Amino acid sequence: MTTELTVRRPSSRAGEMLNKVPEITIWFWVIKILCTTVGESFADWINMTLGVGLTKTALIFTVVLAAVLYVQMRLRRYVPSIYWLTVVVVSITGTLYTDILTDSQGVPLKVSTTVFAVLLAVVFGVWYARERTLSIHSITSTPREAFYWLAILVTFALGTAAGDWTLELSGWGPGKAVLLPAALIAMVVVAWRFGGQPVLAFWLAYILTRPLGANIGDWFATPRSEQGLGLGTALTSVIFLVAIGATVLYLTWSKADVIPGSEALETAVRGAGPGRERLALGLYAAAAIATGLLLHHTSQIPHASPLAAEEAGGSASNNIQLTPAQAIAHFPSADVASLKTIVDDTLTKVNAGDQSGGTARIKDLETTWDDDESKLKPLDGNAWTFLDGRIDDALTALRASNPDPATEKQALTVLSTSLGG
């Protein structure tokens, strides 16, 4: 999306740098989607699989973001490895900020989506008022770069909230959920090619790649029993990080995305004329209305939200009541024994007053249960849901900010009994 009227002039003014961002080629969008996928899967892996917790994970990546932004903004030109590392970290951090609002603070997704949309409008408004351009082909000063990265952070948070809200309204699975953002991105490309305003098209596509990449990541990580590819968050993160690394190495070698010359760009960005731009705006409005109607229609159809089911965890299993014999009847005895050993070890540590040891041991339970999901759930979905709730109750008790030994013992005892004794 680079249809711009460009006038080049020497970059000689004090404080002005070579353009700090890449040329917008197909490689830009490929890596952007890869980074977005990593933002979803890597954050989930650290937060849930490793058991670090949402707040601690967000704090860690806020510090990492500050560090990589410092390095990026000290540079005087575009360096692919540093630039895309910054995008990856911004992707993860923006995702975590939205997740904190939703999961920890209980802010409804429609509210967080609205808040981030307003915040992005404010960022763009202040940026344009000061610099008279929102084109990424003009990131040639520290203030412009600061506005650019702030806008990127908010777009990731907005894309996360809007994408999750879409899933909440529609109840779509991970594969089907890829189609809506992909279709909207295709519409933006058509509007741009038709002569729509390039800067507007760029930022719309940039926002939409967030839910697209997140849904792709969920599709890869979700168990096969739930129409996913069953790769898990760790393997999904590794695959896409390797893909990002390989692409960045290629771009570093080929310089295919470097804006040429030692010249800064002064851009007056426009499309193919006012008439074409108005038609493109009409297409955007029609797509927005159609999307709204589609989501309204799907929200009226009874469904279980994938996000609600994931967040409800143990509470969703309260409607299922099974005896211990029924709960493990269809599962391999070796897998059940492995789970029970971990639970009993954790209970022993809690009884001995070893809170840190119990918290550490319960991570093994979470990891083992997640790894076994694709095998156990197809054998008996009700039993899996029943035990999943008991396991979530135990995890919640052990990881409480102020753990209560009595609650921990009760949750672990119930779980141990459910596993056969």
Protein backbone atom coordinates (compact mmCIF):
# COMPACT_ATOMS: atom_id res chain seq x y z
CA MET A 1 0.00 0.00 0.00
CA THR A 2 2.46 2.54 -1.21
CA THR A 3 0.52 4.73 -3.68
CA GLU A 4 2.03 8.03 -2.61
CA LEU A 5 3.08 11.26 -4.29
CA THR A 6 6.67 11.42 -3.10
CA VAL A 7 9.17 14.26 -3.31
CA ARG A 8 12.74 13.39 -2.29
CA ARG A 9 15.13 15.93 -0.83
CA PRO A 10 18.46 15.68 0.99
CA SER A 11 18.25 14.71 4.64
CA SER A 12 20.31 17.56 5.98
CA ARG A 13 18.24 19.18 8.69
CA ALA A 14 19.47 18.81 12.25
CA GLY A 15 17.84 15.96 14.11
CA GLU A 16 16.52 14.32 10.94
CA MET A 17 17.28 10.65 10.27
CA LEU A 18 16.96 8.19 7.46
CA ASN A 19 13.50 6.66 7.42
CA LYS A 20 13.27 4.29 10.39
CA VAL A 21 10.69 1.84 9.03
CA PRO A 22 10.69 -0.62 6.12
CA GLU A 23 9.21 -0.18 2.67
CA ILE A 24 5.68 -1.58 2.54
CA THR A 25 6.15 -4.68 0.43
CA ILE A 26 4.58 -8.13 0.65
CA TRP A 27 7.39 -9.03 3.08
CA PHE A 28 6.17 -6.35 5.49
CA TRP A 29 2.73 -7.93 5.71
CA VAL A 30 4.09 -11.48 5.92
CA ILE A 31 6.28 -10.65 8.92
CA LYS A 32 3.54 -8.51 10.48
CA ILE A 33 1.13 -11.45 10.51
CA LEU A 34 3.86 -13.77 11.82
CA CYS A 35 4.64 -11.29 14.62
CA THR A 36 0.96 -11.03 15.49
CA THR A 37 0.65 -14.82 15.72
CA VAL A 38 3.64 -14.95 18.05
CA GLY A 39 2.11 -12.18 20.15
CA GLU A 40 -0.88 -14.40 20.87
CA SER A 41 0.78 -17.81 21.28
CA PHE A 42 3.95 -16.72 23.12
CA ALA A 43 2.03 -14.61 25.64
CA ASP A 44 -0.31 -17.55 26.33
CA TRP A 45 2.64 -19.93 26.70
CA ILE A 46 4.42 -17.79 29.30
CA ASN A 47 1.26 -16.75 31.12
CA MET A 48 -0.58 -20.07 31.31
CA THR A 49 1.69 -22.97 30.34
CA LEU A 50 4.66 -21.76 32.37
CA GLY A 51 2.33 -20.45 35.07
CA VAL A 52 4.00 -17.03 35.36
CA GLY A 53 0.64 -15.31 35.61
CA LEU A 54 -0.90 -12.52 33.57
CA THR A 55 0.21 -9.54 35.64
CA LYS A 56 3.82 -10.71 36.06
CA THR A 57 4.05 -11.57 32.36
CA ALA A 58 2.78 -8.08 31.44
CA LEU A 59 5.32 -6.44 33.78
CA ILE A 60 8.16 -8.51 32.32
CA PHE A 61 7.27 -7.56 28.77
CA THR A 62 6.75 -3.91 29.65
CA VAL A 63 10.37 -3.83 30.81
CA VAL A 64 11.50 -5.72 27.71
CA LEU A 65 9.53 -3.32 25.52
CA ALA A 66 11.18 -0.31 27.13
CA ALA A 67 14.60 -1.86 26.50
CA VAL A 68 14.07 -2.73 22.83
CA LEU A 69 12.39 0.62 22.15
CA TYR A 70 15.40 2.37 23.63
CA VAL A 71 17.71 0.47 21.26
CA GLN A 72 15.41 1.00 18.26
CA MET A 73 15.06 4.73 18.82
CA ARG A 74 18.79 5.21 19.28
CA LEU A 75 19.39 3.98 15.74
CA ARG A 76 19.61 6.47 12.88
CA ARG A 77 18.31 4.17 10.17
CA TYR A 78 16.13 1.11 9.61
CA VAL A 79 17.75 -2.10 10.88
CA PRO A 80 15.51 -5.13 10.12
CA SER A 81 16.48 -7.29 13.11
CA ILE A 82 15.92 -4.53 15.69
CA TYR A 83 12.80 -3.17 14.04
CA TRP A 84 11.03 -6.54 13.85
CA LEU A 85 12.15 -7.55 17.33
CA THR A 86 10.44 -4.39 18.54
CA VAL A 87 7.27 -5.29 16.62
CA VAL A 88 7.24 -8.79 18.17
CA VAL A 89 7.60 -7.38 21.69
CA VAL A 90 4.99 -4.69 21.04
CA SER A 91 2.64 -7.40 19.77
CA ILE A 92 3.06 -9.48 22.92
CA THR A 93 2.77 -6.48 25.23
CA GLY A 94 -0.31 -5.03 23.53
CA THR A 95 -2.00 -8.42 23.75
CA LEU A 96 -1.20 -8.68 27.46
CA TYR A 97 -2.59 -5.21 28.23
CA THR A 98 -5.93 -6.15 26.68
CA ASP A 99 -5.94 -9.51 28.47
CA ILE A 100 -5.36 -7.78 31.82
CA LEU A 101 -8.37 -5.54 31.28
CA THR A 102 -10.54 -8.49 30.27
CA ASP A 103 -9.34 -11.29 32.54
CA SER A 104 -8.05 -9.51 35.63
CA GLN A 105 -10.21 -6.38 35.74
CA GLY A 106 -13.38 -7.80 34.21
CA VAL A 107 -13.74 -5.01 31.64
CA PRO A 108 -16.21 -6.11 28.91
CA LEU A 109 -14.63 -6.52 25.49
CA LYS A 110 -17.03 -4.03 23.91
CA VAL A 111 -15.82 -1.43 26.42
CA SER A 112 -12.12 -2.13 25.93
CA THR A 113 -12.58 -2.14 22.15
CA THR A 114 -14.26 1.28 22.35
CA VAL A 115 -11.62 2.67 24.70
CA PHE A 116 -8.72 1.55 22.51
CA ALA A 117 -10.45 2.85 19.38
CA VAL A 118 -10.88 6.28 20.98
CA LEU A 119 -7.29 6.21 22.26
CA LEU A 120 -6.00 5.38 18.77
CA ALA A 121 -8.02 8.25 17.31
CA VAL A 122 -6.47 10.59 19.89
CA VAL A 123 -2.95 9.36 19.08
CA PHE A 124 -3.54 9.88 15.36
CA GLY A 125 -5.10 13.29 15.99
CA VAL A 126 -2.20 14.58 18.06
CA TRP A 127 0.34 13.02 15.68
CA TYR A 128 -1.25 14.69 12.64
CA ALA A 129 -1.70 18.03 14.39
CA ARG A 130 1.99 18.13 15.22
CA GLU A 131 3.55 16.53 12.12
CA ARG A 132 0.89 17.08 9.40
CA THR A 133 1.29 13.50 8.19
CA LEU A 134 0.54 9.97 9.36
CA SER A 135 2.57 8.34 6.61
CA ILE A 136 5.08 5.77 7.79
CA HIS A 137 7.28 6.90 4.88
CA SER A 138 8.06 10.00 6.89
CA ILE A 139 9.40 8.53 10.14
CA THR A 140 12.53 10.67 10.04
CA SER A 141 12.58 12.26 13.50
CA THR A 142 12.35 11.11 17.10
CA PRO A 143 8.88 12.65 17.74
CA ARG A 144 7.46 10.98 14.64
CA GLU A 145 8.95 7.65 15.62
CA ALA A 146 7.55 7.99 19.15
CA PHE A 147 4.06 8.61 17.72
CA TYR A 148 4.54 5.68 15.35
CA TRP A 149 5.38 3.16 18.08
CA LEU A 150 2.63 4.44 20.36
CA ALA A 151 0.14 3.99 17.53
CA ILE A 152 1.49 0.48 16.85
CA LEU A 153 1.06 -0.48 20.52
CA VAL A 154 -2.54 0.77 20.59
CA THR A 155 -3.38 -0.98 17.30
CA PHE A 156 -2.25 -4.29 18.79
CA ALA A 157 -4.36 -3.73 21.91
CA LEU A 158 -7.33 -2.64 19.80
CA GLY A 159 -6.96 -5.57 17.41
CA THR A 160 -6.83 -7.99 20.35
CA ALA A 161 -9.95 -6.55 21.97
CA ALA A 162 -11.92 -6.31 18.71
CA GLY A 163 -10.88 -9.83 17.66
CA ASP A 164 -11.85 -11.34 21.02
CA TRP A 165 -15.14 -9.43 21.00
CA THR A 166 -15.88 -10.90 17.57
CA LEU A 167 -15.29 -14.42 18.91
CA GLU A 168 -17.47 -13.66 21.92
CA LEU A 169 -20.33 -12.49 19.69
CA SER A 170 -20.03 -15.21 17.06
CA GLY A 171 -18.87 -18.30 18.94
CA TRP A 172 -16.80 -19.25 15.89
CA GLY A 173 -14.04 -21.82 16.18
CA PRO A 174 -10.37 -20.98 15.42
CA GLY A 175 -10.45 -22.00 11.75
CA LYS A 176 -13.67 -20.21 10.85
CA ALA A 177 -12.62 -17.11 12.81
CA VAL A 178 -9.74 -16.53 10.36
CA LEU A 179 -12.15 -15.82 7.51
CA LEU A 180 -13.66 -12.51 8.69
CA PRO A 181 -10.43 -10.50 9.19
CA ALA A 182 -8.99 -12.07 6.01
CA ALA A 183 -12.05 -10.94 4.03
CA LEU A 184 -11.89 -7.44 5.51
CA ILE A 185 -8.19 -7.14 4.67
CA ALA A 186 -8.95 -8.23 1.10
CA MET A 187 -11.62 -5.52 0.94
CA VAL A 188 -9.09 -2.90 2.13
CA VAL A 189 -6.64 -4.02 -0.56
CA VAL A 190 -9.35 -3.73 -3.23
CA ALA A 191 -10.27 -0.24 -2.01
CA TRP A 192 -6.61 0.83 -2.02
CA ARG A 193 -6.01 -0.56 -5.51
CA PHE A 194 -9.11 1.24 -6.68
CA GLY A 195 -7.58 4.53 -5.55
CA GLY A 196 -8.43 4.85 -1.88
CA GLN A 197 -6.35 6.93 0.50
CA PRO A 198 -3.15 4.90 1.09
CA VAL A 199 -2.43 5.96 4.66
CA LEU A 200 -5.96 5.11 5.78
CA ALA A 201 -5.76 1.77 3.96
CA PHE A 202 -2.43 0.99 5.62
CA TRP A 203 -3.65 1.59 9.16
CA LEU A 204 -6.92 -0.28 8.61
CA ALA A 205 -4.99 -3.29 7.32
CA TYR A 206 -2.51 -2.99 10.17
CA ILE A 207 -5.29 -3.21 12.75
CA LEU A 208 -7.01 -6.10 10.98
CA THR A 209 -3.85 -8.21 10.78
CA ARG A 210 -3.94 -8.45 14.58
CA PRO A 211 -7.12 -10.58 14.83
CA LEU A 212 -6.06 -12.45 11.68
CA GLY A 213 -2.69 -13.45 13.14
CA ALA A 214 -4.18 -14.22 16.56
CA ASN A 215 -6.80 -16.50 15.02
CA ILE A 216 -4.13 -18.27 12.97
CA GLY A 217 -2.12 -18.78 16.15
CA ASP A 218 -5.17 -20.17 17.96
CA TRP A 219 -5.88 -22.48 15.03
CA PHE A 220 -2.36 -23.91 15.18
CA ALA A 221 -2.38 -24.29 18.98
CA THR A 222 -5.94 -25.54 19.54
CA PRO A 223 -6.32 -29.33 19.98
CA ARG A 224 -7.52 -31.34 16.99
CA SER A 225 -10.61 -32.32 18.96
CA GLU A 226 -11.65 -28.65 18.77
CA GLN A 227 -10.96 -28.23 15.04
CA GLY A 228 -7.41 -26.94 15.55
CA LEU A 229 -4.07 -28.33 14.39
CA GLY A 230 -3.10 -29.41 17.91
CA LEU A 231 0.45 -28.03 17.92
CA GLY A 232 0.19 -26.28 21.30
CA THR A 233 1.32 -22.75 22.18
CA ALA A 234 5.00 -23.62 22.66
CA LEU A 235 5.49 -25.31 19.28
CA THR A 236 3.37 -22.68 17.53
CA SER A 237 5.55 -19.94 19.02
CA VAL A 238 8.74 -21.72 17.93
CA ILE A 239 7.47 -22.26 14.37
CA PHE A 240 6.53 -18.62 13.85
CA LEU A 241 9.62 -17.23 15.60
CA VAL A 242 11.79 -19.32 13.29
CA ALA A 243 9.79 -18.09 10.29
CA ILE A 244 10.25 -14.48 11.44
CA GLY A 245 13.98 -15.01 11.95
CA ALA A 246 14.43 -16.57 8.51
CA THR A 247 12.51 -13.76 6.81
CA VAL A 248 14.41 -11.05 8.68
CA LEU A 249 17.73 -12.68 7.70
CA TYR A 250 16.63 -12.64 4.07
CA LEU A 251 15.63 -8.98 4.26
CA THR A 252 18.89 -8.07 5.99
CA TRP A 253 20.82 -9.73 3.18
CA SER A 254 18.67 -8.60 0.24
CA LYS A 255 17.65 -5.15 1.56
CA ALA A 256 14.38 -5.73 -0.31
CA ASP A 257 12.45 -3.60 2.16
CA VAL A 258 14.89 -0.70 2.58
CA ILE A 259 13.70 2.65 1.27
CA PRO A 260 16.54 3.48 -1.14
CA GLY A 261 19.12 6.21 -0.95
CA SER A 262 20.44 8.49 1.76
CA GLU A 263 17.44 10.72 1.36
CA ALA A 264 14.51 11.41 3.62
CA LEU A 265 11.02 11.37 2.26
CA GLU A 266 8.69 14.29 2.40
CA THR A 267 5.36 12.79 1.47
CA ALA A 268 2.07 14.24 0.43
CA VAL A 269 0.05 11.06 0.43
CA ARG A 270 -3.02 10.80 -1.72
CA GLY A 271 -5.00 8.26 -3.68
CA ALA A 272 -6.33 8.47 -7.22
CA GLY A 273 -8.36 11.62 -6.67
CA PRO A 274 -11.25 12.79 -4.45
CA GLY A 275 -13.87 10.79 -6.36
CA ARG A 276 -12.03 7.48 -5.97
CA GLU A 277 -11.25 8.21 -2.34
CA ARG A 278 -14.93 8.88 -1.57
CA LEU A 279 -15.90 5.62 -3.27
CA ALA A 280 -13.31 3.78 -1.16
CA LEU A 281 -14.73 5.37 1.98
CA GLY A 282 -18.17 4.17 0.91
CA LEU A 283 -16.80 0.65 0.52
CA TYR A 284 -15.29 0.81 4.02
CA ALA A 285 -18.62 1.99 5.43
CA ALA A 286 -20.53 -0.77 3.63
CA ALA A 287 -18.07 -3.38 4.93
CA ALA A 288 -18.40 -2.04 8.48
CA ILE A 289 -22.22 -2.17 8.29
CA ALA A 290 -22.16 -5.67 6.82
CA THR A 291 -19.77 -6.86 9.52
CA GLY A 292 -21.94 -5.36 12.22
CA LEU A 293 -25.05 -7.04 10.83
CA LEU A 294 -23.25 -10.37 10.55
CA LEU A 295 -22.02 -10.24 14.14
CA HIS A 296 -25.44 -9.15 15.37
CA HIS A 297 -27.01 -12.09 13.58
CA THR A 298 -24.50 -14.61 14.98
CA SER A 299 -24.89 -13.16 18.47
CA GLN A 300 -28.61 -13.97 18.35
CA ILE A 301 -27.92 -17.63 17.63
CA PRO A 302 -27.41 -19.65 20.84
CA HIS A 303 -23.76 -20.63 21.14
CA ALA A 304 -21.01 -21.11 23.66
CA SER A 305 -18.32 -18.45 23.34
CA PRO A 306 -14.87 -20.06 22.98
CA LEU A 307 -13.41 -17.31 25.17
CA ALA A 308 -16.06 -17.69 27.83
CA ALA A 309 -15.57 -21.43 27.91
CA GLU A 310 -11.82 -21.02 28.20
CA GLU A 311 -12.06 -18.44 30.97
CA ALA A 312 -14.84 -20.21 32.86
CA GLY A 313 -12.71 -23.30 33.30
CA GLY A 314 -13.85 -25.22 36.36
CA SER A 315 -17.14 -23.38 36.75
CA ALA A 316 -18.30 -24.65 33.37
CA SER A 317 -17.89 -28.21 34.61
CA ASN A 318 -20.23 -27.73 37.59
CA ASN A 319 -23.14 -28.90 35.45
CA ILE A 320 -21.44 -32.28 35.01
CA GLN A 321 -21.47 -34.62 37.98
CA LEU A 322 -19.57 -37.91 37.75
CA THR A 323 -18.39 -40.48 40.22
CA PRO A 324 -14.64 -41.15 40.36
CA ALA A 325 -15.16 -44.42 38.50
CA GLN A 326 -17.11 -42.64 35.75
CA ALA A 327 -14.56 -39.83 35.52
CA ILE A 328 -11.65 -42.12 34.65
CA ALA A 329 -13.43 -45.09 33.09
CA HIS A 330 -12.43 -44.32 29.49
CA PHE A 331 -8.97 -42.88 30.11
CA PRO A 332 -5.73 -44.94 30.02
CA SER A 333 -4.76 -45.99 33.52
CA ALA A 334 -1.15 -44.88 33.02
CA ASP A 335 -2.23 -41.31 32.20
CA VAL A 336 -4.58 -41.19 35.17
CA ALA A 337 -1.87 -42.54 37.48
CA SER A 338 0.57 -39.89 36.28
CA LEU A 339 -1.91 -37.11 37.00
CA LYS A 340 -2.80 -38.51 40.39
CA THR A 341 0.86 -38.79 41.39
CA ILE A 342 1.36 -35.09 40.69
CA VAL A 343 -1.79 -34.15 42.63
CA ASP A 344 -0.80 -36.27 45.63
CA ASP A 345 2.75 -34.86 45.60
CA THR A 346 1.31 -31.33 45.57
CA LEU A 347 -1.04 -32.16 48.43
CA THR A 348 1.86 -33.56 50.46
CA LYS A 349 3.81 -30.34 50.02
CA VAL A 350 0.82 -28.20 50.99
CA ASN A 351 0.21 -30.32 54.09
CA ALA A 352 3.86 -29.82 55.02
CA GLY A 353 3.55 -26.03 54.66
CA ASP A 354 5.73 -25.95 51.54
CA GLN A 355 3.75 -23.40 49.54
CA SER A 356 6.47 -22.68 46.97
CA GLY A 357 7.05 -26.38 46.42
CA GLY A 358 3.33 -27.00 45.96
CA THR A 359 3.03 -24.11 43.49
CA ALA A 360 5.99 -25.41 41.51
CA ARG A 361 4.65 -28.97 41.45
CA ILE A 362 1.18 -27.89 40.28
CA LYS A 363 2.81 -26.54 37.09
CA ASP A 364 3.59 -30.16 36.18
CA LEU A 365 -0.09 -30.98 36.48
CA GLU A 366 -1.09 -28.15 34.16
CA THR A 367 1.56 -29.08 31.59
CA THR A 368 0.71 -32.78 31.66
CA TRP A 369 -3.03 -32.14 31.41
CA ASP A 370 -2.59 -29.75 28.48
CA ASP A 371 -0.30 -32.20 26.69
CA ASP A 372 -2.80 -35.04 27.18
CA GLU A 373 -5.85 -33.04 26.10
CA SER A 374 -5.75 -34.04 22.44
CA LYS A 375 -5.63 -37.71 23.46
CA LEU A 376 -8.03 -37.78 26.40
CA LYS A 377 -10.79 -35.40 25.37
CA PRO A 378 -11.94 -37.41 22.30
CA LEU A 379 -12.22 -40.52 24.52
CA ASP A 380 -14.80 -38.97 26.86
CA GLY A 381 -15.65 -35.29 26.48
CA ASN A 382 -17.85 -35.12 29.58
CA ALA A 383 -15.26 -36.75 31.80
CA TRP A 384 -12.54 -34.51 30.40
CA THR A 385 -14.63 -31.38 31.10
CA PHE A 386 -15.44 -32.64 34.60
CA LEU A 387 -11.77 -33.24 35.47
CA ASP A 388 -10.69 -30.04 33.74
CA GLY A 389 -12.88 -28.09 36.15
CA ARG A 390 -11.40 -29.85 39.17
CA ILE A 391 -7.89 -29.18 37.89
CA ASP A 392 -8.67 -25.50 37.33
CA ASP A 393 -10.02 -25.26 40.87
CA ALA A 394 -6.73 -26.65 42.19
CA LEU A 395 -4.63 -24.35 40.02
CA THR A 396 -6.64 -21.33 41.12
CA ALA A 397 -6.27 -22.23 44.80
CA LEU A 398 -2.51 -22.77 44.59
CA ARG A 399 -1.89 -19.60 42.57
CA ALA A 400 -4.06 -17.22 44.59
CA SER A 401 -2.35 -13.96 45.57
CA ASN A 402 -3.00 -14.89 49.22
CA PRO A 403 -3.20 -18.70 49.24
CA ASP A 404 -5.48 -20.31 51.82
CA PRO A 405 -4.11 -23.73 52.89
CA ALA A 406 -7.58 -25.01 53.72
CA THR A 407 -8.89 -24.11 50.26
CA GLU A 408 -5.83 -25.64 48.64
CA LYS A 409 -6.19 -28.90 50.56
CA GLN A 410 -9.87 -29.13 49.75
CA ALA A 411 -9.37 -28.54 46.03
CA LEU A 412 -6.50 -31.03 45.84
CA THR A 413 -8.37 -33.66 47.87
CA VAL A 414 -11.44 -33.38 45.64
CA LEU A 415 -9.24 -33.69 42.56
CA SER A 416 -7.34 -36.67 43.95
CA THR A 417 -10.61 -38.41 44.76
CA SER A 418 -11.93 -37.68 41.27
CA LEU A 419 -8.85 -39.37 39.85
CA GLY A 420 -9.67 -42.57 41.62
CA GLY A 421 -8.94 -42.43 45.30
